[in-house]
Amino acid sequence: MLPSNNYSVSLTDDNGSLDLWAVGVRGTEADSIHLGHGGTISTAGYDEMYLMVFNPAHDNNLDDCSYSMYSLDIKPGSDAVTPVEQVWDASHFLLLR
C-alpha cells in the first residue's frame, strides 16, 4: 500500500465506458468511493485501499466477455477528497495477497 496520503487517481486510455471505484477497508467497514474517470482519495485511516475498474455496461451472457485496455495514473493529490458513497460490512473481508 502507498504511504498514508491524498492521491489523485485517473482512469485513462480506455474506451470511455469503464468506471473507477476505490474501496477503503477499515476494521469491519469498507467505504466505497465512486471516482468515475478520476478523483482524489485519502488512504489515511484505512487498513487497506483498493482500486476497482468496473464495466457498468454488462449483460447476463457471462460467456460473451471482451477485454478492454486501460491505464491508471496515480500521483500525490491536493484536490478535495471524493466523498464516500456507501459503507459496507467488511467483517468477512479477506485481504488480497
Protein backbone atom coordinates (compact mmCIF):
# COMPACT_ATOMS: atom_id res chain seq x y z
CA MET A 1 0.00 0.00 0.00
CA LEU A 2 1.16 3.53 -0.67
CA PRO A 3 2.08 5.72 2.30
CA SER A 4 -0.84 7.41 4.04
CA ASN A 5 -1.62 10.50 1.95
CA ASN A 6 -4.01 12.01 -0.59
CA TYR A 7 -3.72 10.68 -4.14
CA SER A 8 -5.13 11.84 -7.44
CA VAL A 9 -6.29 8.80 -9.38
CA SER A 10 -7.27 8.85 -13.07
CA LEU A 11 -8.59 6.15 -15.40
CA THR A 12 -7.08 6.74 -18.85
CA ASP A 13 -6.57 5.04 -22.20
CA ASP A 14 -9.92 3.27 -22.01
CA ASN A 15 -12.76 3.48 -24.49
CA GLY A 16 -14.77 5.77 -22.20
CA SER A 17 -17.12 3.05 -20.98
CA LEU A 18 -15.27 1.98 -17.82
CA ASP A 19 -15.78 3.27 -14.30
CA LEU A 20 -13.29 3.66 -11.44
CA TRP A 21 -14.05 2.95 -7.78
CA ALA A 22 -11.91 2.98 -4.64
CA VAL A 23 -12.65 0.72 -1.68
CA GLY A 24 -11.06 1.54 1.65
CA VAL A 25 -11.20 -1.13 4.37
CA ARG A 26 -11.04 -0.06 7.99
CA GLY A 27 -11.63 -2.82 10.53
CA THR A 28 -15.08 -4.24 9.84
CA GLU A 29 -16.18 -1.46 7.46
CA ALA A 30 -15.48 -0.90 3.77
CA ASP A 31 -16.04 2.53 2.22
CA SER A 32 -16.87 2.61 -1.50
CA ILE A 33 -15.88 5.77 -3.36
CA HIS A 34 -17.12 6.37 -6.91
CA LEU A 35 -14.38 8.13 -8.88
CA GLY A 36 -15.86 7.93 -12.40
CA HIS A 37 -12.83 8.64 -14.57
CA GLY A 38 -10.88 10.31 -11.77
CA GLY A 39 -10.83 11.89 -8.36
CA THR A 40 -8.84 12.26 -5.17
CA ILE A 41 -8.70 9.63 -2.43
CA SER A 42 -7.15 9.62 1.01
CA THR A 43 -5.50 6.46 2.32
CA ALA A 44 -5.36 7.89 5.86
CA GLY A 45 -7.17 5.75 8.42
CA TYR A 46 -7.57 2.69 6.19
CA ASP A 47 -6.02 -0.73 6.74
CA GLU A 48 -6.28 -1.47 3.00
CA MET A 49 -7.17 0.55 -0.10
CA TYR A 50 -8.16 -1.00 -3.42
CA LEU A 51 -8.92 0.44 -6.85
CA MET A 52 -11.52 -1.33 -8.97
CA VAL A 53 -12.04 -0.79 -12.68
CA PHE A 54 -15.63 -1.70 -13.49
CA ASN A 55 -17.61 -2.03 -16.71
CA PRO A 56 -21.14 -0.87 -15.88
CA ALA A 57 -22.42 -1.87 -19.37
CA HIS A 58 -22.78 -5.60 -18.79
CA ASP A 59 -25.35 -8.17 -19.78
CA ASN A 60 -26.33 -11.59 -18.45
CA ASN A 61 -24.31 -13.56 -21.01
CA LEU A 62 -21.25 -14.49 -18.94
CA ASP A 63 -19.71 -16.41 -21.87
CA ASP A 64 -19.59 -13.30 -24.10
CA CYS A 65 -16.70 -11.42 -22.49
CA SER A 66 -14.35 -8.96 -24.12
CA TYR A 67 -11.24 -7.27 -22.79
CA SER A 68 -10.76 -3.52 -22.50
CA MET A 69 -7.43 -1.79 -22.29
CA TYR A 70 -6.93 0.99 -19.73
CA SER A 71 -4.29 2.70 -17.63
CA LEU A 72 -4.32 4.15 -14.14
CA ASP A 73 -2.47 7.35 -13.29
CA ILE A 74 -1.78 7.71 -9.56
CA LYS A 75 0.07 10.70 -8.14
CA PRO A 76 0.07 12.79 -4.97
CA GLY A 77 -3.16 14.79 -4.81
CA SER A 78 -4.08 18.15 -3.40
CA ASP A 79 -7.70 18.48 -4.55
CA ALA A 80 -10.69 17.90 -2.28
CA VAL A 81 -11.14 14.22 -1.43
CA THR A 82 -14.01 12.49 -3.26
CA PRO A 83 -16.69 11.62 -0.68
CA VAL A 84 -17.59 8.09 0.39
CA GLU A 85 -20.68 6.89 -1.45
CA GLN A 86 -21.58 3.90 0.70
CA VAL A 87 -20.28 2.00 3.75
CA TRP A 88 -20.36 -1.82 3.64
CA ASP A 89 -19.92 -4.52 6.26
CA ALA A 90 -16.39 -5.89 5.79
CA SER A 91 -16.34 -8.21 8.80
CA HIS A 92 -15.78 -11.20 6.47
CA PHE A 93 -13.38 -9.40 4.15
CA LEU A 94 -10.22 -11.33 3.22
CA LEU A 95 -7.11 -9.38 2.24
CA LEU A 96 -5.77 -9.89 -1.27
CA ARG A 97 -2.25 -11.26 -1.23
